Protein backbone atom coordinates (compact mmCIF):
# COMPACT_ATOMS: atom_id res chain seq x y z
CA MET A 1 298.15 -71.19 241.59
CA PRO A 2 295.42 -68.71 242.50
CA PRO A 3 296.57 -65.65 244.42
CA SER A 4 296.09 -65.59 248.16
CA LYS A 5 293.28 -63.58 249.56
CA ARG A 6 294.02 -60.04 250.62
CA LYS A 7 292.74 -58.23 253.60
CA ARG A 8 290.11 -55.55 253.27
CA GLN A 9 292.56 -52.82 253.99
CA ASP A 10 294.63 -54.04 251.05
CA LEU A 11 291.67 -53.81 248.80
CA ASP A 12 291.07 -50.00 249.47
CA ASP A 13 292.54 -47.83 246.86
CA SER A 14 295.47 -45.69 247.85
CA ASP A 15 295.18 -41.93 247.36
CA GLU A 16 298.46 -41.94 245.64
CA ASP A 17 297.64 -44.76 243.11
CA GLU A 18 297.22 -43.73 239.50
CA PRO A 19 293.80 -43.75 238.11
CA ALA A 20 292.99 -47.05 236.34
CA TYR A 21 290.03 -49.07 235.23
CA GLY A 22 288.21 -50.60 238.18
CA LYS A 23 289.68 -48.20 240.73
CA GLN A 24 288.52 -44.93 242.25
CA ILE A 25 288.67 -42.43 239.37
CA LEU A 26 287.63 -39.32 241.10
CA PRO A 27 290.53 -37.46 242.68
CA VAL A 28 290.87 -37.48 246.49
CA ALA A 29 292.83 -34.85 248.47
CA ASN A 30 295.97 -35.90 250.22
CA LEU A 31 295.34 -34.38 253.73
CA PRO A 32 296.72 -35.33 257.19
CA GLU A 33 294.69 -37.88 259.19
CA ASP A 34 293.85 -35.22 261.94
CA PHE A 35 292.20 -33.03 259.32
CA SER A 36 289.11 -31.43 261.05
CA GLU A 37 288.36 -28.42 259.00
CA GLU A 38 285.24 -28.06 256.86
CA PRO A 39 285.85 -29.50 253.34
CA MET A 40 286.29 -26.73 250.77
CA ASN A 41 285.86 -28.89 247.68
CA GLY A 42 284.95 -32.35 246.48
CA MET A 43 288.47 -33.70 246.85
CA GLN A 44 288.63 -32.86 250.62
CA TYR A 45 285.06 -34.27 251.11
CA LEU A 46 286.02 -37.55 249.58
CA PHE A 47 289.10 -37.70 251.81
CA THR A 48 286.97 -37.37 254.97
CA VAL A 49 284.38 -39.93 253.68
CA ARG A 50 287.09 -42.55 253.09
CA ARG A 51 288.80 -41.76 256.38
CA ASP A 52 285.47 -42.22 258.34
CA SER A 53 284.63 -45.48 256.56
CA ARG A 54 287.81 -47.08 257.65
CA GLN A 55 286.92 -46.41 261.26
CA LEU A 56 283.47 -48.16 260.99
CA PRO A 57 283.14 -51.85 261.91
CA ASP A 58 282.81 -54.45 259.19
CA ILE A 59 279.53 -55.82 260.40
CA VAL A 60 276.77 -54.14 262.39
CA ARG A 61 273.63 -55.52 264.03
CA ALA A 62 270.35 -53.62 264.10
CA ALA A 63 268.29 -53.75 267.19
CA ASN A 64 265.44 -56.24 267.18
CA PRO A 65 262.21 -54.47 268.07
CA TYR A 66 260.57 -57.78 269.05
CA GLY A 67 263.49 -59.03 271.05
CA ILE A 68 262.79 -60.40 274.58
CA PRO A 69 265.50 -60.28 277.18
CA GLU A 70 266.86 -63.72 278.00
CA PRO A 71 265.87 -64.84 281.51
CA THR A 72 268.61 -65.50 283.86
CA VAL A 73 268.30 -69.09 285.17
CA GLU A 74 269.81 -69.45 288.68
CA HIS A 75 270.62 -72.90 289.99
CA GLN A 76 268.54 -73.35 293.04
CA THR A 77 269.98 -75.72 295.63
CA PRO A 78 267.25 -77.96 297.06
CA SER A 79 266.42 -77.18 300.68
CA VAL A 80 266.50 -80.97 301.42
CA GLN A 81 269.88 -82.55 301.37
CA VAL A 82 270.04 -85.80 299.55
CA GLU A 83 272.76 -88.47 299.73
CA LEU A 84 273.77 -89.17 296.18
CA PRO A 85 277.11 -90.92 295.26
CA SER A 86 279.81 -88.31 294.98
CA LYS A 87 281.25 -87.24 291.59
CA GLU A 88 284.70 -88.60 292.57
CA TRP A 89 283.35 -92.00 293.44
CA ARG A 90 281.33 -92.22 290.23
CA ASP A 91 284.36 -91.36 288.00
CA LEU A 92 286.50 -93.86 289.88
CA PHE A 93 283.89 -96.52 289.52
CA GLU A 94 283.45 -95.96 285.74
CA MET A 95 287.21 -96.15 285.24
CA ARG A 96 287.49 -99.43 287.14
CA PHE A 97 284.39 -100.83 285.40
CA GLU A 98 285.89 -100.03 282.03
CA ASN A 99 289.17 -101.78 283.02
CA PHE A 100 287.12 -104.82 284.22
CA ARG A 101 285.44 -105.02 280.80
CA LYS A 102 288.79 -104.83 278.98
CA ASN A 103 290.31 -107.66 281.11
CA LEU A 104 287.26 -109.84 280.54
CA ASP A 105 287.50 -109.31 276.82
CA GLN A 106 291.20 -110.26 276.65
CA PRO A 107 291.68 -113.65 274.92
CA THR A 108 293.19 -116.31 277.08
CA ILE A 109 294.34 -119.73 275.64
CA HIS A 110 295.64 -122.81 277.28
CA VAL A 111 294.33 -121.76 280.70
CA GLY A 112 292.44 -124.41 282.56
CA PRO A 113 290.73 -127.50 281.17
CA ALA A 114 288.99 -127.56 277.87
CA ASP A 115 285.21 -127.17 278.02
CA ASP A 116 283.04 -130.14 277.12
CA VAL A 117 280.81 -129.06 274.21
CA SER A 118 278.16 -131.62 275.01
CA TYR A 119 277.88 -130.54 278.71
CA ARG A 120 275.42 -127.74 279.36
CA MET A 121 276.72 -125.20 281.82
CA MET A 122 273.60 -123.10 282.05
CA PRO A 123 269.98 -123.21 280.96
CA GLU A 124 268.56 -121.95 277.61
CA LYS A 125 268.21 -118.33 277.13
CA LYS A 126 264.36 -118.43 277.02
CA ASP A 127 263.79 -120.49 280.12
CA ARG A 128 263.07 -117.83 282.75
CA GLU A 129 262.04 -120.24 285.52
CA LEU A 130 264.97 -122.49 284.92
CA TRP A 131 267.35 -119.49 285.16
CA TRP A 132 265.89 -118.62 288.54
CA ALA A 133 266.48 -122.18 289.69
CA PHE A 134 270.04 -122.07 288.22
CA LEU A 135 270.96 -118.88 290.09
CA ALA A 136 269.41 -120.05 293.32
CA GLY A 137 271.84 -123.00 293.24
CA ARG A 138 269.29 -125.75 292.60
CA PRO A 139 270.53 -129.13 291.46
CA GLU A 140 271.05 -129.66 287.79
CA SER A 141 268.09 -131.97 287.57
CA GLU A 142 265.81 -128.96 288.12
CA TRP A 143 267.42 -126.44 285.65
CA ASN A 144 268.60 -128.98 283.14
CA PRO A 145 265.79 -131.54 283.00
CA PRO A 146 266.37 -134.37 280.44
CA ARG A 147 264.64 -133.76 277.11
CA LYS A 148 261.73 -135.87 276.36
CA SER A 149 261.88 -138.26 273.32
CA LYS A 150 259.39 -138.26 270.56
CA ARG A 151 257.97 -141.36 271.88
CA GLN A 152 257.37 -139.83 275.30
CA MET A 153 255.96 -136.60 273.79
CA LYS A 154 253.53 -138.59 271.72
CA SER A 155 252.37 -140.59 274.76
CA GLN A 156 251.93 -137.30 276.71
CA GLN A 157 249.72 -135.94 273.98
CA TYR A 158 247.42 -138.93 274.34
CA VAL A 159 247.25 -138.51 278.05
CA ASP A 160 246.52 -134.71 277.68
CA HIS A 161 243.58 -135.54 275.43
CA GLY A 162 242.06 -137.93 277.89
CA MET A 163 243.20 -141.16 276.16
CA ARG A 164 245.11 -143.94 277.66
CA ALA A 165 248.56 -144.80 276.46
CA TRP A 166 250.64 -147.97 277.03
CA THR A 167 254.24 -148.81 276.35
CA ASN A 168 255.25 -151.72 274.24
CA ASP A 169 256.77 -153.44 277.21
CA THR A 170 254.79 -156.51 278.29
CA PRO A 171 253.89 -156.49 281.92
CA ASP A 172 255.44 -159.02 284.10
CA PRO A 173 252.67 -161.48 285.24
CA SER A 174 254.62 -162.44 288.34
CA HIS A 175 254.14 -158.98 289.72
CA ASP A 176 251.15 -157.34 288.01
CA SER A 177 247.86 -158.69 286.72
CA TRP A 178 245.26 -157.19 284.50
CA GLN A 179 241.41 -157.46 284.75
CA ASN A 180 238.34 -155.88 283.45
CA ASN A 181 236.39 -153.52 285.74
CA ASP A 182 232.67 -153.00 285.83
CA GLU A 183 232.85 -150.38 283.02
CA GLY A 184 234.70 -152.69 280.69
CA GLU A 185 238.04 -150.95 280.98
CA VAL A 186 241.32 -152.76 281.53
CA GLU A 187 242.86 -151.87 284.85
CA GLN A 188 246.09 -153.07 286.61
CA VAL A 189 245.97 -154.94 289.90
CA LEU A 190 249.06 -154.90 291.84
CA THR A 191 249.87 -158.17 293.73
CA MET A 192 250.84 -157.68 297.35
CA ASP A 193 252.84 -159.80 299.74
CA PRO A 194 250.44 -161.75 302.04
CA ALA A 195 252.49 -160.75 305.06
CA GLU A 196 251.78 -157.15 304.30
CA SER A 197 248.03 -157.56 304.08
CA LEU A 198 247.60 -159.30 307.46
CA PRO A 199 244.98 -157.76 309.68
CA SER A 200 245.88 -156.06 312.96
CA PRO A 201 244.02 -154.45 315.82
CA LEU A 202 244.32 -151.01 314.15
CA GLY A 203 243.64 -152.20 310.63
CA THR A 204 246.03 -152.89 307.74
CA PRO A 205 249.51 -151.71 308.57
CA VAL A 206 250.80 -148.58 306.82
CA ALA A 207 254.25 -148.48 305.23
CA LEU A 208 256.90 -146.85 307.38
CA ASP A 209 258.00 -144.53 304.57
CA PHE A 210 254.49 -143.14 304.33
CA LEU A 211 254.52 -142.34 308.03
CA GLU A 212 257.81 -140.65 307.82
CA GLY A 213 256.61 -138.63 304.84
CA ILE A 214 253.49 -137.14 306.46
CA SER A 215 255.46 -136.16 309.50
CA GLN A 216 257.71 -134.01 307.47
CA PRO A 217 257.02 -130.71 305.63
CA TYR A 218 255.78 -131.12 302.14
CA CYS A 219 258.58 -131.72 299.62
CA SER A 220 258.60 -132.41 295.94
CA GLN A 221 259.25 -136.02 295.15
CA SER A 222 260.13 -135.37 291.55
CA THR A 223 263.75 -134.90 292.18
CA SER A 224 266.37 -136.52 294.41
CA VAL A 225 266.75 -133.12 296.38
CA PRO A 226 263.51 -132.01 298.17
CA ASP A 227 262.14 -128.71 297.10
CA CYS A 228 261.58 -127.49 300.69
CA ASP A 229 261.89 -124.00 302.01
CA GLU A 230 263.85 -125.29 304.89
CA ILE A 231 266.74 -126.37 302.62
CA ALA A 232 269.12 -123.55 301.83
CA PHE A 233 270.98 -123.81 298.49
CA ILE A 234 274.17 -121.96 297.89
CA PRO A 235 273.61 -119.46 294.98
CA ARG A 236 275.74 -119.85 291.88
CA GLU A 237 278.13 -116.99 291.31
CA PRO A 238 279.21 -115.64 288.05
CA SER A 239 282.49 -116.97 286.72
CA THR A 240 284.70 -116.12 283.84
CA ARG A 241 284.08 -119.54 282.34
CA ILE A 242 280.37 -118.82 282.10
CA LEU A 243 280.58 -115.18 281.10
CA LYS A 244 282.72 -116.18 278.11
CA LEU A 245 279.70 -118.18 276.86
CA ILE A 246 277.29 -115.16 277.19
CA ASP A 247 277.27 -112.77 274.23
CA GLU A 248 275.62 -109.34 274.20
CA ARG A 249 272.14 -110.52 273.03
CA MET A 250 271.89 -113.21 275.69
CA ALA A 251 273.25 -110.64 278.44
CA LEU A 252 270.50 -108.20 277.50
CA HIS A 253 267.90 -111.04 277.67
CA LEU A 254 268.95 -112.07 281.11
CA LEU A 255 269.02 -108.46 282.29
CA MET A 256 265.43 -108.26 281.18
CA TYR A 257 264.75 -111.20 283.53
CA PHE A 258 266.32 -109.50 286.48
CA THR A 259 264.18 -106.43 285.80
CA HIS A 260 261.10 -108.54 285.69
CA TRP A 261 262.03 -110.28 288.93
CA ILE A 262 262.70 -106.95 290.78
CA ASN A 263 259.37 -105.52 289.56
CA VAL A 264 257.43 -108.68 290.66
CA HIS A 265 259.05 -108.26 294.06
CA LEU A 266 258.10 -104.62 294.25
CA GLN A 267 254.51 -105.35 293.23
CA ALA A 268 254.09 -108.23 295.72
CA PRO A 269 256.98 -108.32 298.23
CA ASN A 270 257.82 -111.97 299.12
CA HIS A 271 260.84 -113.50 300.58
CA SER A 272 260.88 -116.17 297.80
CA SER A 273 261.31 -113.47 295.09
CA LEU A 274 263.59 -111.16 297.00
CA PRO A 275 266.66 -110.11 294.86
CA THR A 276 269.88 -110.96 296.68
CA GLU A 277 273.50 -109.86 296.57
CA SER A 278 274.26 -112.75 294.33
CA HIS A 279 271.85 -111.38 291.80
CA ALA A 280 273.47 -107.99 291.97
CA ARG A 281 276.81 -109.50 291.09
CA TRP A 282 275.25 -111.36 288.16
CA ILE A 283 273.74 -108.07 286.95
CA LEU A 284 277.08 -106.22 287.10
CA SER A 285 278.82 -109.08 285.28
CA LEU A 286 276.15 -109.17 282.61
CA LEU A 287 276.48 -105.37 282.15
CA SER A 288 280.20 -105.91 281.26
CA ARG A 289 279.17 -108.01 278.23
CA ILE A 290 277.34 -105.13 276.66
CA ASP A 291 278.99 -102.71 274.18
CA ASP A 292 279.12 -98.92 274.66
CA TYR A 293 277.02 -98.28 271.56
CA ILE A 294 273.71 -100.09 271.52
CA SER A 295 270.29 -99.49 269.92
CA ALA A 296 267.56 -97.50 271.41
CA ASP A 297 265.46 -100.60 272.31
CA ASP A 298 268.46 -102.12 274.10
CA MET A 299 269.09 -98.80 275.86
CA ASN A 300 265.49 -98.88 276.99
CA LEU A 301 266.09 -102.29 278.67
CA LEU A 302 269.03 -100.85 280.65
CA ARG A 303 267.00 -97.82 281.69
CA ASN A 304 264.23 -100.13 282.87
CA LEU A 305 266.75 -102.03 284.93
CA ALA A 306 268.05 -98.89 286.56
CA ARG A 307 264.57 -97.68 287.34
CA ALA A 308 263.81 -101.00 288.90
CA CYS A 309 266.81 -100.66 291.16
CA LEU A 310 265.61 -97.16 291.99
CA GLY A 311 262.28 -98.66 293.13
CA LEU A 312 264.12 -101.37 295.13
CA LEU A 313 266.25 -98.67 296.70
CA ARG A 314 263.14 -96.84 297.67
CA GLU A 315 261.72 -99.88 299.33
CA ILE A 316 264.96 -100.45 301.29
CA LYS A 317 265.08 -96.90 302.56
CA GLN A 318 261.39 -97.09 303.51
CA LYS A 319 261.98 -100.19 305.52
CA HIS A 320 265.09 -98.75 307.05
CA ASN A 321 263.19 -95.61 308.19
CA SER A 322 260.33 -97.68 309.62
CA SER A 323 262.82 -99.78 311.61
CA SER A 324 261.34 -102.94 310.26
CA THR A 325 263.41 -106.12 309.86
CA TYR A 326 264.88 -106.66 306.41
CA LEU A 327 265.96 -110.27 306.26
CA GLY A 328 266.50 -112.42 303.24
CA PRO A 329 265.13 -115.85 302.62
CA LEU A 330 267.01 -118.78 304.24
CA GLY A 331 269.62 -116.41 305.64
CA LEU A 332 270.69 -115.02 302.11
CA LYS A 333 271.69 -111.44 302.10
CA PRO A 334 269.24 -109.35 300.11
CA MET A 335 270.39 -106.72 297.63
CA GLY A 336 271.42 -103.65 299.58
CA GLU A 337 271.73 -99.92 298.93
CA THR A 338 275.39 -100.20 297.71
CA SER A 339 274.48 -102.75 295.04
CA CYS A 340 271.56 -100.64 293.76
CA TRP A 341 273.79 -97.56 293.46
CA ILE A 342 276.44 -99.45 291.72
CA ILE A 343 274.04 -100.79 289.01
CA ILE A 344 272.48 -97.26 288.66
CA THR A 345 275.89 -95.70 288.36
CA ALA A 346 276.91 -98.23 285.65
CA VAL A 347 273.85 -97.50 283.52
CA ALA A 348 273.79 -93.73 284.02
CA GLY A 349 277.65 -93.27 283.72
CA VAL A 350 278.91 -95.94 281.21
CA TRP A 351 276.02 -95.42 278.80
CA LYS A 352 275.62 -91.71 279.47
CA GLN A 353 272.11 -91.82 280.81
CA HIS A 354 272.69 -88.82 283.20
CA ASP A 355 268.98 -87.93 283.47
CA LEU A 356 268.66 -90.99 285.81
CA TRP A 357 270.43 -88.98 288.53
CA MET A 358 267.54 -86.55 288.40
CA ASP A 359 265.13 -89.32 288.95
CA ALA A 360 267.24 -90.61 291.89
CA GLU A 361 267.42 -87.12 293.37
CA ALA A 362 263.66 -86.66 293.03
CA MET A 363 263.13 -90.02 294.75
CA LEU A 364 265.37 -89.21 297.55
CA ILE A 365 263.71 -85.78 298.12
CA LYS A 366 260.29 -87.34 298.16
CA LEU A 367 261.41 -89.80 300.80
CA LYS A 368 262.79 -86.94 302.91
CA THR A 369 259.60 -84.99 302.69
């Protein structure tokens, strides 16, 4: 076992040690520590040299001739007071958000009915327009349209290229008839009931359904539910059952959609594209599906989301200061200041993007001035 290291004082040769190889060989006078007279010989001189060397520091630093004094940076309090969320509220929110994520990740079995694998509970990840319809509470026929068969897709291709396509079904001659027009093409002639084609003083009578249709606002006839602005749909809210089916990659993809929708609304404000409080709840729920440690590209997606919320917050404050009405479409509550601050706090606090608070403070100061 190697010997332990000794201190520097232990390495110094004692004046009373016997001369040996590797030690001080020259004799040193044995004088008291308070000796202050002028040395009379070499032995006394060596004693004063060794005594003064023990009083010197082990390491010394020479003065740098090119050194510049470090400037003292003083924290300047801005003259304009801004209303940022307090430090206590942010810490409490981060703690509760972490607990929410842990509770959501806990495995639960034998709770509720088993999910039907063949039933689609949400649109595909890459269908952005279908996701907007899904979140808006549209019927399933809009966000989950039936898939076209190969036969229908082939017929659609012929139609797109300007060619006619017929099915293999034989037309019923009792209802429809076929004839050649002047250009030699085959066209279908619908047979009508003679009672419907009787003349009248105002001309041929028009179907009652058609009259009712033109008296109402325009609606889409493709689905059973009219696509009218006057009809208010109840937005779909995030549930544990749906969030369990969303992984981290899908959550990041959907958050990118929300960033796009917010930016579209900021560029061209419109009630039809206004983010609502339901969207804010979806954003917070999707953030709970993301891990603490993500790649730089994924972190950039979250930062873009926070900056989009900052832009929406600026718009809300500007409309509030101008005393203009801020109403959502069809009576829906638009995303407010509290929801924007919650999303910004989640990104800046949970994923340690603290520089976003500087952007928020600069935005609020600019609004004050």
